[in-house]
Amino acid sequence: YLQAKHQGIHRFNLLMVLRDVVGPPLAILTLITWLPYFSCCVVLRYFISLELSEIIYRYSYLVGVGCVLCYLLISGIIDWLKLAQNHIRDERYLVAQRLHNRE
């Protein structure tokens, strides 16, 4: 967006947009949809029965979404705790500075 705003549409770098903006989400979505199918229908089919492979395939998407949600939740909690720790440290510093300036 900023590149198009500053340079105009006539010098817009479409390859950069495809590589930096469209590429990573497309790669992640492709991996998310392709990995359970490949693991259950191609690899596990030779080691387990067809029925069990289909059951694993059905639940693999649910497990994947659950893992992503847990990761987002845990990373959000970690960020919140870091922010709270920095706030407490800054508050202690300000209180100590006020006490030091009183003397």
PDB file of N, CA and C in Angstrom:
ATOM      1  N   TYR A   1       0.817  -1.194   0.000  1.00  0.00           N
ATOM      2  CA  TYR A   1       0.000   0.000   0.000  1.00  0.00           C
ATOM      3  C   TYR A   1       0.858   1.254   0.000  1.00  0.00           C
ATOM      4  N   LEU A   2       1.852   1.274   0.892  1.00  0.00           N
ATOM      5  CA  LEU A   2       2.696   2.458   0.974  1.00  0.00           C
ATOM      6  C   LEU A   2       3.513   2.652  -0.299  1.00  0.00           C
ATOM      7  N   GLN A   3       3.940   1.531  -0.886  1.00  0.00           N
ATOM      8  CA  GLN A   3       4.693   1.637  -2.133  1.00  0.00           C
ATOM      9  C   GLN A   3       3.826   2.231  -3.235  1.00  0.00           C
ATOM     10  N   ALA A   4       2.600   1.809  -3.340  1.00  0.00           N
ATOM     11  CA  ALA A   4       1.695   2.349  -4.357  1.00  0.00           C
ATOM     12  C   ALA A   4       1.365   3.808  -4.062  1.00  0.00           C
ATOM     13  N   LYS A   5       1.290   4.167  -2.797  1.00  0.00           N
ATOM     14  CA  LYS A   5       0.984   5.540  -2.431  1.00  0.00           C
ATOM     15  C   LYS A   5       2.135   6.488  -2.772  1.00  0.00           C
ATOM     16  N   HIS A   6       3.365   6.059  -2.496  1.00  0.00           N
ATOM     17  CA  HIS A   6       4.511   6.933  -2.733  1.00  0.00           C
ATOM     18  C   HIS A   6       4.955   6.958  -4.200  1.00  0.00           C
ATOM     19  N   GLN A   7       4.975   5.800  -4.846  1.00  0.00           N
ATOM     20  CA  GLN A   7       5.523   5.721  -6.195  1.00  0.00           C
ATOM     21  C   GLN A   7       4.469   5.773  -7.280  1.00  0.00           C
ATOM     22  N   GLY A   8       3.233   5.591  -6.942  1.00  0.00           N
ATOM     23  CA  GLY A   8       2.185   5.592  -7.945  1.00  0.00           C
ATOM     24  C   GLY A   8       1.950   4.201  -8.494  1.00  0.00           C
ATOM     25  N   ILE A   9       0.881   4.042  -9.214  1.00  0.00           N
ATOM     26  CA  ILE A   9       0.499   2.731  -9.712  1.00  0.00           C
ATOM     27  C   ILE A   9       1.332   2.302 -10.917  1.00  0.00           C
ATOM     28  N   HIS A  10       1.932   3.245 -11.632  1.00  0.00           N
ATOM     29  CA  HIS A  10       2.678   2.872 -12.827  1.00  0.00           C
ATOM     30  C   HIS A  10       4.012   2.199 -12.498  1.00  0.00           C
ATOM     31  N   ARG A  11       4.548   2.394 -11.296  1.00  0.00           N
ATOM     32  CA  ARG A  11       5.780   1.705 -10.901  1.00  0.00           C
ATOM     33  C   ARG A  11       5.521   0.726  -9.754  1.00  0.00           C
ATOM     34  N   PHE A  12       4.381   0.127  -9.755  1.00  0.00           N
ATOM     35  CA  PHE A  12       3.984  -0.814  -8.711  1.00  0.00           C
ATOM     36  C   PHE A  12       4.683  -2.152  -8.935  1.00  0.00           C
ATOM     37  N   ASN A  13       5.327  -2.669  -7.925  1.00  0.00           N
ATOM     38  CA  ASN A  13       6.089  -3.910  -8.015  1.00  0.00           C
ATOM     39  C   ASN A  13       5.192  -5.084  -7.630  1.00  0.00           C
ATOM     40  N   LEU A  14       4.588  -5.702  -8.620  1.00  0.00           N
ATOM     41  CA  LEU A  14       3.654  -6.802  -8.379  1.00  0.00           C
ATOM     42  C   LEU A  14       4.365  -8.036  -7.853  1.00  0.00           C
ATOM     43  N   LEU A  15       5.585  -8.282  -8.282  1.00  0.00           N
ATOM     44  CA  LEU A  15       6.332  -9.444  -7.806  1.00  0.00           C
ATOM     45  C   LEU A  15       6.624  -9.335  -6.312  1.00  0.00           C
ATOM     46  N   MET A  16       6.926  -8.134  -5.847  1.00  0.00           N
ATOM     47  CA  MET A  16       7.171  -7.933  -4.424  1.00  0.00           C
ATOM     48  C   MET A  16       5.895  -8.170  -3.618  1.00  0.00           C
ATOM     49  N   VAL A  17       4.762  -7.726  -4.144  1.00  0.00           N
ATOM     50  CA  VAL A  17       3.494  -7.934  -3.442  1.00  0.00           C
ATOM     51  C   VAL A  17       3.171  -9.421  -3.365  1.00  0.00           C
ATOM     52  N   LEU A  18       3.372 -10.131  -4.453  1.00  0.00           N
ATOM     53  CA  LEU A  18       3.110 -11.575  -4.450  1.00  0.00           C
ATOM     54  C   LEU A  18       4.056 -12.307  -3.504  1.00  0.00           C
ATOM     55  N   ARG A  19       5.312 -11.888  -3.460  1.00  0.00           N
ATOM     56  CA  ARG A  19       6.303 -12.571  -2.631  1.00  0.00           C
ATOM     57  C   ARG A  19       6.119 -12.252  -1.154  1.00  0.00           C
ATOM     58  N   ASP A  20       5.840 -11.011  -0.807  1.00  0.00           N
ATOM     59  CA  ASP A  20       5.821 -10.602   0.598  1.00  0.00           C
ATOM     60  C   ASP A  20       4.438 -10.572   1.230  1.00  0.00           C
ATOM     61  N   VAL A  21       3.395 -10.358   0.430  1.00  0.00           N
ATOM     62  CA  VAL A  21       2.060 -10.214   0.997  1.00  0.00           C
ATOM     63  C   VAL A  21       1.207 -11.451   0.744  1.00  0.00           C
ATOM     64  N   VAL A  22       1.187 -11.919  -0.467  1.00  0.00           N
ATOM     65  CA  VAL A  22       0.310 -13.024  -0.831  1.00  0.00           C
ATOM     66  C   VAL A  22       0.965 -14.377  -0.564  1.00  0.00           C
ATOM     67  N   GLY A  23       2.265 -14.454  -0.727  1.00  0.00           N
ATOM     68  CA  GLY A  23       2.982 -15.722  -0.610  1.00  0.00           C
ATOM     69  C   GLY A  23       2.903 -16.404   0.741  1.00  0.00           C
ATOM     70  N   PRO A  24       3.253 -15.728   1.844  1.00  0.00           N
ATOM     71  CA  PRO A  24       3.235 -16.418   3.137  1.00  0.00           C
ATOM     72  C   PRO A  24       1.857 -16.947   3.571  1.00  0.00           C
ATOM     73  N   PRO A  25       0.768 -16.157   3.476  1.00  0.00           N
ATOM     74  CA  PRO A  25      -0.526 -16.753   3.852  1.00  0.00           C
ATOM     75  C   PRO A  25      -0.941 -17.897   2.931  1.00  0.00           C
ATOM     76  N   LEU A  26      -0.631 -17.785   1.659  1.00  0.00           N
ATOM     77  CA  LEU A  26      -0.967 -18.855   0.735  1.00  0.00           C
ATOM     78  C   LEU A  26      -0.182 -20.122   1.047  1.00  0.00           C
ATOM     79  N   ALA A  27       1.084 -19.967   1.403  1.00  0.00           N
ATOM     80  CA  ALA A  27       1.899 -21.127   1.774  1.00  0.00           C
ATOM     81  C   ALA A  27       1.386 -21.777   3.052  1.00  0.00           C
ATOM     82  N   ILE A  28       0.992 -20.972   4.021  1.00  0.00           N
ATOM     83  CA  ILE A  28       0.483 -21.524   5.278  1.00  0.00           C
ATOM     84  C   ILE A  28      -0.841 -22.247   5.054  1.00  0.00           C
ATOM     85  N   LEU A  29      -1.740 -21.638   4.295  1.00  0.00           N
ATOM     86  CA  LEU A  29      -3.021 -22.299   4.023  1.00  0.00           C
ATOM     87  C   LEU A  29      -2.839 -23.584   3.231  1.00  0.00           C
ATOM     88  N   THR A  30      -1.913 -23.578   2.287  1.00  0.00           N
ATOM     89  CA  THR A  30      -1.639 -24.793   1.528  1.00  0.00           C
ATOM     90  C   THR A  30      -1.085 -25.881   2.428  1.00  0.00           C
ATOM     91  N   LEU A  31      -0.175 -25.527   3.311  1.00  0.00           N
ATOM     92  CA  LEU A  31       0.397 -26.503   4.231  1.00  0.00           C
ATOM     93  C   LEU A  31      -0.654 -27.040   5.196  1.00  0.00           C
ATOM     94  N   ILE A  32      -1.523 -26.153   5.676  1.00  0.00           N
ATOM     95  CA  ILE A  32      -2.555 -26.587   6.622  1.00  0.00           C
ATOM     96  C   ILE A  32      -3.523 -27.568   5.972  1.00  0.00           C
ATOM     97  N   THR A  33      -3.880 -27.344   4.728  1.00  0.00           N
ATOM     98  CA  THR A  33      -4.842 -28.238   4.082  1.00  0.00           C
ATOM     99  C   THR A  33      -4.181 -29.472   3.497  1.00  0.00           C
ATOM    100  N   TRP A  34      -2.919 -29.402   3.142  1.00  0.00           N
ATOM    101  CA  TRP A  34      -2.262 -30.520   2.487  1.00  0.00           C
ATOM    102  C   TRP A  34      -1.661 -31.510   3.468  1.00  0.00           C
ATOM    103  N   LEU A  35      -1.141 -31.050   4.594  1.00  0.00           N
ATOM    104  CA  LEU A  35      -0.438 -31.916   5.520  1.00  0.00           C
ATOM    105  C   LEU A  35      -1.317 -33.016   6.128  1.00  0.00           C
ATOM    106  N   PRO A  36      -2.520 -32.747   6.624  1.00  0.00           N
ATOM    107  CA  PRO A  36      -3.342 -33.852   7.150  1.00  0.00           C
ATOM    108  C   PRO A  36      -3.717 -34.874   6.078  1.00  0.00           C
ATOM    109  N   TYR A  37      -4.021 -34.407   4.889  1.00  0.00           N
ATOM    110  CA  TYR A  37      -4.364 -35.338   3.815  1.00  0.00           C
ATOM    111  C   TYR A  37      -3.182 -36.235   3.486  1.00  0.00           C
ATOM    112  N   PHE A  38      -2.017 -35.652   3.339  1.00  0.00           N
ATOM    113  CA  PHE A  38      -0.835 -36.434   2.985  1.00  0.00           C
ATOM    114  C   PHE A  38      -0.483 -37.426   4.079  1.00  0.00           C
ATOM    115  N   SER A  39      -0.540 -36.975   5.341  1.00  0.00           N
ATOM    116  CA  SER A  39      -0.142 -37.860   6.435  1.00  0.00           C
ATOM    117  C   SER A  39      -1.123 -39.007   6.637  1.00  0.00           C
ATOM    118  N   CYS A  40      -2.414 -38.759   6.447  1.00  0.00           N
ATOM    119  CA  CYS A  40      -3.401 -39.796   6.719  1.00  0.00           C
ATOM    120  C   CYS A  40      -3.686 -40.679   5.511  1.00  0.00           C
ATOM    121  N   CYS A  41      -3.797 -40.081   4.364  1.00  0.00           N
ATOM    122  CA  CYS A  41      -4.224 -40.852   3.196  1.00  0.00           C
ATOM    123  C   CYS A  41      -3.067 -41.456   2.414  1.00  0.00           C
ATOM    124  N   VAL A  42      -1.877 -40.968   2.582  1.00  0.00           N
ATOM    125  CA  VAL A  42      -0.754 -41.504   1.826  1.00  0.00           C
ATOM    126  C   VAL A  42       0.191 -42.286   2.720  1.00  0.00           C
ATOM    127  N   VAL A  43       0.633 -41.687   3.813  1.00  0.00           N
ATOM    128  CA  VAL A  43       1.637 -42.329   4.652  1.00  0.00           C
ATOM    129  C   VAL A  43       1.018 -43.373   5.567  1.00  0.00           C
ATOM    130  N   LEU A  44      -0.016 -43.000   6.317  1.00  0.00           N
ATOM    131  CA  LEU A  44      -0.591 -43.917   7.308  1.00  0.00           C
ATOM    132  C   LEU A  44      -1.408 -45.038   6.686  1.00  0.00           C
ATOM    133  N   ARG A  45      -1.843 -44.909   5.463  1.00  0.00           N
ATOM    134  CA  ARG A  45      -2.642 -45.948   4.831  1.00  0.00           C
ATOM    135  C   ARG A  45      -1.878 -47.267   4.729  1.00  0.00           C
ATOM    136  N   TYR A  46      -0.557 -47.186   4.624  1.00  0.00           N
ATOM    137  CA  TYR A  46       0.244 -48.405   4.515  1.00  0.00           C
ATOM    138  C   TYR A  46       0.488 -49.067   5.860  1.00  0.00           C
ATOM    139  N   PHE A  47       0.282 -48.338   6.953  1.00  0.00           N
ATOM    140  CA  PHE A  47       0.583 -48.868   8.275  1.00  0.00           C
ATOM    141  C   PHE A  47      -0.653 -49.205   9.091  1.00  0.00           C
ATOM    142  N   ILE A  48      -1.781 -48.560   8.835  1.00  0.00           N
ATOM    143  CA  ILE A  48      -3.001 -48.820   9.598  1.00  0.00           C
ATOM    144  C   ILE A  48      -4.143 -49.093   8.625  1.00  0.00           C
ATOM    145  N   SER A  49      -5.282 -49.473   9.173  1.00  0.00           N
ATOM    146  CA  SER A  49      -6.425 -49.809   8.322  1.00  0.00           C
ATOM    147  C   SER A  49      -7.025 -48.551   7.693  1.00  0.00           C
ATOM    148  N   LEU A  50      -7.848 -48.757   6.688  1.00  0.00           N
ATOM    149  CA  LEU A  50      -8.458 -47.647   5.965  1.00  0.00           C
ATOM    150  C   LEU A  50      -9.452 -46.884   6.845  1.00  0.00           C
ATOM    151  N   GLU A  51     -10.204 -47.592   7.681  1.00  0.00           N
ATOM    152  CA  GLU A  51     -11.178 -46.934   8.545  1.00  0.00           C
ATOM    153  C   GLU A  51     -10.492 -46.037   9.575  1.00  0.00           C
ATOM    154  N   LEU A  52      -9.450 -46.563  10.177  1.00  0.00           N
ATOM    155  CA  LEU A  52      -8.725 -45.766  11.169  1.00  0.00           C
ATOM    156  C   LEU A  52      -8.038 -44.572  10.514  1.00  0.00           C
ATOM    157  N   SER A  53      -7.557 -44.745   9.301  1.00  0.00           N
ATOM    158  CA  SER A  53      -6.940 -43.638   8.576  1.00  0.00           C
ATOM    159  C   SER A  53      -7.959 -42.536   8.296  1.00  0.00           C
ATOM    160  N   GLU A  54      -9.190 -42.904   7.942  1.00  0.00           N
ATOM    161  CA  GLU A  54     -10.236 -41.910   7.701  1.00  0.00           C
ATOM    162  C   GLU A  54     -10.625 -41.181   8.983  1.00  0.00           C
ATOM    163  N   ILE A  55     -10.660 -41.892  10.102  1.00  0.00           N
ATOM    164  CA  ILE A  55     -10.980 -41.255  11.381  1.00  0.00           C
ATOM    165  C   ILE A  55      -9.894 -40.269  11.774  1.00  0.00           C
ATOM    166  N   ILE A  56      -8.652 -40.657  11.603  1.00  0.00           N
ATOM    167  CA  ILE A  56      -7.544 -39.755  11.912  1.00  0.00           C
ATOM    168  C   ILE A  56      -7.588 -38.539  11.005  1.00  0.00           C
ATOM    169  N   TYR A  57      -7.917 -38.754   9.737  1.00  0.00           N
ATOM    170  CA  TYR A  57      -8.004 -37.645   8.787  1.00  0.00           C
ATOM    171  C   TYR A  57      -9.095 -36.656   9.187  1.00  0.00           C
ATOM    172  N   ARG A  58     -10.228 -37.152   9.638  1.00  0.00           N
ATOM    173  CA  ARG A  58     -11.326 -36.260  10.043  1.00  0.00           C
ATOM    174  C   ARG A  58     -10.965 -35.418  11.251  1.00  0.00           C
ATOM    175  N   TYR A  59     -10.297 -36.017  12.213  1.00  0.00           N
ATOM    176  CA  TYR A  59      -9.975 -35.292  13.439  1.00  0.00           C
ATOM    177  C   TYR A  59      -8.671 -34.504  13.350  1.00  0.00           C
ATOM    178  N   SER A  60      -7.889 -34.708  12.315  1.00  0.00           N
ATOM    179  CA  SER A  60      -6.608 -34.007  12.228  1.00  0.00           C
ATOM    180  C   SER A  60      -6.801 -32.505  12.042  1.00  0.00           C
ATOM    181  N   TYR A  61      -7.826 -32.097  11.314  1.00  0.00           N
ATOM    182  CA  TYR A  61      -8.081 -30.668  11.149  1.00  0.00           C
ATOM    183  C   TYR A  61      -8.502 -30.031  12.475  1.00  0.00           C
ATOM    184  N   LEU A  62      -9.332 -30.738  13.229  1.00  0.00           N
ATOM    185  CA  LEU A  62      -9.768 -30.238  14.529  1.00  0.00           C
ATOM    186  C   LEU A  62      -8.590 -30.109  15.482  1.00  0.00           C
ATOM    187  N   VAL A  63      -7.709 -31.085  15.479  1.00  0.00           N
ATOM    188  CA  VAL A  63      -6.528 -31.028  16.340  1.00  0.00           C
ATOM    189  C   VAL A  63      -5.605 -29.887  15.896  1.00  0.00           C
ATOM    190  N   GLY A  64      -5.461 -29.698  14.600  1.00  0.00           N
ATOM    191  CA  GLY A  64      -4.623 -28.607  14.096  1.00  0.00           C
ATOM    192  C   GLY A  64      -5.163 -27.246  14.490  1.00  0.00           C
ATOM    193  N   VAL A  65      -6.460 -27.049  14.363  1.00  0.00           N
ATOM    194  CA  VAL A  65      -7.070 -25.779  14.762  1.00  0.00           C
ATOM    195  C   VAL A  65      -6.945 -25.583  16.268  1.00  0.00           C
ATOM    196  N   GLY A  66      -7.106 -26.654  17.029  1.00  0.00           N
ATOM    197  CA  GLY A  66      -6.942 -26.563  18.473  1.00  0.00           C
ATOM    198  C   GLY A  66      -5.523 -26.183  18.868  1.00  0.00           C
ATOM    199  N   CYS A  67      -4.538 -26.740  18.180  1.00  0.00           N
ATOM    200  CA  CYS A  67      -3.138 -26.385  18.462  1.00  0.00           C
ATOM    201  C   CYS A  67      -2.862 -24.925  18.135  1.00  0.00           C
ATOM    202  N   VAL A  68      -3.393 -24.446  17.021  1.00  0.00           N
ATOM    203  CA  VAL A  68      -3.189 -23.046  16.654  1.00  0.00           C
ATOM    204  C   VAL A  68      -3.859 -22.127  17.671  1.00  0.00           C
ATOM    205  N   LEU A  69      -5.067 -22.450  18.095  1.00  0.00           N
ATOM    206  CA  LEU A  69      -5.752 -21.626  19.095  1.00  0.00           C
ATOM    207  C   LEU A  69      -5.022 -21.631  20.429  1.00  0.00           C
ATOM    208  N   CYS A  70      -4.506 -22.795  20.845  1.00  0.00           N
ATOM    209  CA  CYS A  70      -3.724 -22.856  22.081  1.00  0.00           C
ATOM    210  C   CYS A  70      -2.460 -22.025  21.971  1.00  0.00           C
ATOM    211  N   TYR A  71      -1.797 -22.074  20.816  1.00  0.00           N
ATOM    212  CA  TYR A  71      -0.596 -21.267  20.613  1.00  0.00           C
ATOM    213  C   TYR A  71      -0.928 -19.779  20.697  1.00  0.00           C
ATOM    214  N   LEU A  72      -2.009 -19.363  20.059  1.00  0.00           N
ATOM    215  CA  LEU A  72      -2.389 -17.952  20.104  1.00  0.00           C
ATOM    216  C   LEU A  72      -2.756 -17.519  21.517  1.00  0.00           C
ATOM    217  N   LEU A  73      -3.460 -18.377  22.234  1.00  0.00           N
ATOM    218  CA  LEU A  73      -3.841 -18.062  23.607  1.00  0.00           C
ATOM    219  C   LEU A  73      -2.617 -17.952  24.501  1.00  0.00           C
ATOM    220  N   ILE A  74      -1.708 -18.906  24.396  1.00  0.00           N
ATOM    221  CA  ILE A  74      -0.514 -18.891  25.242  1.00  0.00           C
ATOM    222  C   ILE A  74       0.383 -17.705  24.900  1.00  0.00           C
ATOM    223  N   SER A  75       0.544 -17.410  23.606  1.00  0.00           N
ATOM    224  CA  SER A  75       1.380 -16.271  23.245  1.00  0.00           C
ATOM    225  C   SER A  75       0.748 -14.956  23.698  1.00  0.00           C
ATOM    226  N   GLY A  76      -0.581 -14.857  23.662  1.00  0.00           N
ATOM    227  CA  GLY A  76      -1.256 -13.672  24.181  1.00  0.00           C
ATOM    228  C   GLY A  76      -1.074 -13.516  25.681  1.00  0.00           C
ATOM    229  N   ILE A  77      -1.150 -14.609  26.404  1.00  0.00           N
ATOM    230  CA  ILE A  77      -0.945 -14.557  27.854  1.00  0.00           C
ATOM    231  C   ILE A  77       0.494 -14.173  28.174  1.00  0.00           C
ATOM    232  N   ILE A  78       1.459 -14.702  27.408  1.00  0.00           N
ATOM    233  CA  ILE A  78       2.863 -14.360  27.638  1.00  0.00           C
ATOM    234  C   ILE A  78       3.100 -12.880  27.375  1.00  0.00           C
ATOM    235  N   ASP A  79       2.532 -12.357  26.297  1.00  0.00           N
ATOM    236  CA  ASP A  79       2.673 -10.925  26.012  1.00  0.00           C
ATOM    237  C   ASP A  79       2.043 -10.070  27.105  1.00  0.00           C
ATOM    238  N   TRP A  80       0.882 -10.484  27.591  1.00  0.00           N
ATOM    239  CA  TRP A  80       0.218  -9.750  28.649  1.00  0.00           C
ATOM    240  C   TRP A  80       1.044  -9.767  29.936  1.00  0.00           C
ATOM    241  N   LEU A  81       1.639 -10.928  30.271  1.00  0.00           N
ATOM    242  CA  LEU A  81       2.461 -11.011  31.471  1.00  0.00           C
ATOM    243  C   LEU A  81       3.723 -10.168  31.346  1.00  0.00           C
ATOM    244  N   LYS A  82       4.325 -10.124  30.154  1.00  0.00           N
ATOM    245  CA  LYS A  82       5.497  -9.266  29.953  1.00  0.00           C
ATOM    246  C   LYS A  82       5.121  -7.801  30.115  1.00  0.00           C
ATOM    247  N   LEU A  83       3.970  -7.413  29.590  1.00  0.00           N
ATOM    248  CA  LEU A  83       3.513  -6.037  29.729  1.00  0.00           C
ATOM    249  C   LEU A  83       3.241  -5.694  31.190  1.00  0.00           C
ATOM    250  N   ALA A  84       2.626  -6.625  31.918  1.00  0.00           N
ATOM    251  CA  ALA A  84       2.355  -6.395  33.340  1.00  0.00           C
ATOM    252  C   ALA A  84       3.651  -6.298  34.138  1.00  0.00           C
ATOM    253  N   GLN A  85       4.626  -7.148  33.802  1.00  0.00           N
ATOM    254  CA  GLN A  85       5.904  -7.100  34.499  1.00  0.00           C
ATOM    255  C   GLN A  85       6.624  -5.774  34.234  1.00  0.00           C
ATOM    256  N   ASN A  86       6.597  -5.306  32.997  1.00  0.00           N
ATOM    257  CA  ASN A  86       7.223  -4.017  32.683  1.00  0.00           C
ATOM    258  C   ASN A  86       6.507  -2.866  33.392  1.00  0.00           C
ATOM    259  N   HIS A  87       5.189  -2.948  33.475  1.00  0.00           N
ATOM    260  CA  HIS A  87       4.427  -1.907  34.164  1.00  0.00           C
ATOM    261  C   HIS A  87       4.760  -1.882  35.653  1.00  0.00           C
ATOM    262  N   ILE A  88       4.856  -3.044  36.274  1.00  0.00           N
ATOM    263  CA  ILE A  88       5.195  -3.115  37.698  1.00  0.00           C
ATOM    264  C   ILE A  88       6.605  -2.594  37.936  1.00  0.00           C
ATOM    265  N   ARG A  89       7.546  -2.957  37.059  1.00  0.00           N
ATOM    266  CA  ARG A  89       8.922  -2.480  37.201  1.00  0.00           C
ATOM    267  C   ARG A  89       8.994  -0.954  37.062  1.00  0.00           C
ATOM    268  N   ASP A  90       8.272  -0.411  36.080  1.00  0.00           N
ATOM    269  CA  ASP A  90       8.268   1.039  35.901  1.00  0.00           C
ATOM    270  C   ASP A  90       7.619   1.745  37.081  1.00  0.00           C
ATOM    271  N   GLU A  91       6.581   1.154  37.622  1.00  0.00           N
ATOM    272  CA  GLU A  91       5.906   1.748  38.773  1.00  0.00           C
ATOM    273  C   GLU A  91       6.825   1.752  39.992  1.00  0.00           C
ATOM    274  N   ARG A  92       7.552   0.669  40.218  1.00  0.00           N
ATOM    275  CA  ARG A  92       8.499   0.623  41.334  1.00  0.00           C
ATOM    276  C   ARG A  92       9.606   1.653  41.142  1.00  0.00           C
ATOM    277  N   TYR A  93      10.066   1.814  39.913  1.00  0.00           N
ATOM    278  CA  TYR A  93      11.113   2.792  39.634  1.00  0.00           C
ATOM    279  C   TYR A  93      10.620   4.206  39.934  1.00  0.00           C
ATOM    280  N   LEU A  94       9.395   4.524  39.526  1.00  0.00           N
ATOM    281  CA  LEU A  94       8.851   5.857  39.775  1.00  0.00           C
ATOM    282  C   LEU A  94       8.650   6.111  41.259  1.00  0.00           C
ATOM    283  N   VAL A  95       8.186   5.092  41.999  1.00  0.00           N
ATOM    284  CA  VAL A  95       8.004   5.248  43.444  1.00  0.00           C
ATOM    285  C   VAL A  95       9.354   5.460  44.113  1.00  0.00           C
ATOM    286  N   ALA A  96      10.352   4.692  43.721  1.00  0.00           N
ATOM    287  CA  ALA A  96      11.686   4.846  44.310  1.00  0.00           C
ATOM    288  C   ALA A  96      12.281   6.194  43.948  1.00  0.00           C
ATOM    289  N   GLN A  97      12.044   6.680  42.760  1.00  0.00           N
ATOM    290  CA  GLN A  97      12.562   7.979  42.354  1.00  0.00           C
ATOM    291  C   GLN A  97      11.896   9.097  43.155  1.00  0.00           C
ATOM    292  N   ARG A  98      10.608   8.988  43.408  1.00  0.00           N
ATOM    293  CA  ARG A  98       9.924   9.995  44.220  1.00  0.00           C
ATOM    294  C   ARG A  98      10.433   9.986  45.655  1.00  0.00           C
ATOM    295  N   LEU A  99      10.667   8.776  46.210  1.00  0.00           N
ATOM    296  CA  LEU A  99      11.199   8.687  47.573  1.00  0.00           C
ATOM    297  C   LEU A  99      12.612   9.242  47.645  1.00  0.00           C
ATOM    298  N   HIS A 100      13.393   9.010  46.614  1.00  0.00           N
ATOM    299  CA  HIS A 100      14.768   9.507  46.600  1.00  0.00           C
ATOM    300  C   HIS A 100      14.790  11.034  46.479  1.00  0.00           C
ATOM    301  N   ASN A 101      13.882  11.590  45.701  1.00  0.00           N
ATOM    302  CA  ASN A 101      13.862  13.047  45.516  1.00  0.00           C
ATOM    303  C   ASN A 101      13.322  13.766  46.745  1.00  0.00           C
ATOM    304  N   ARG A 102      12.616  13.096  47.625  1.00  0.00           N
ATOM    305  CA  ARG A 102      12.082  13.723  48.826  1.00  0.00           C
ATOM    306  C   ARG A 102      13.172  14.063  49.814  1.00  0.00           C
ATOM    307  N   GLU A 103      14.189  13.297  49.824  1.00  0.00           N
ATOM    308  CA  GLU A 103      15.245  13.487  50.838  1.00  0.00           C
ATOM    309  C   GLU A 103      16.117  14.632  50.542  1.00  0.00           C
TER     310      GLU A 103
END
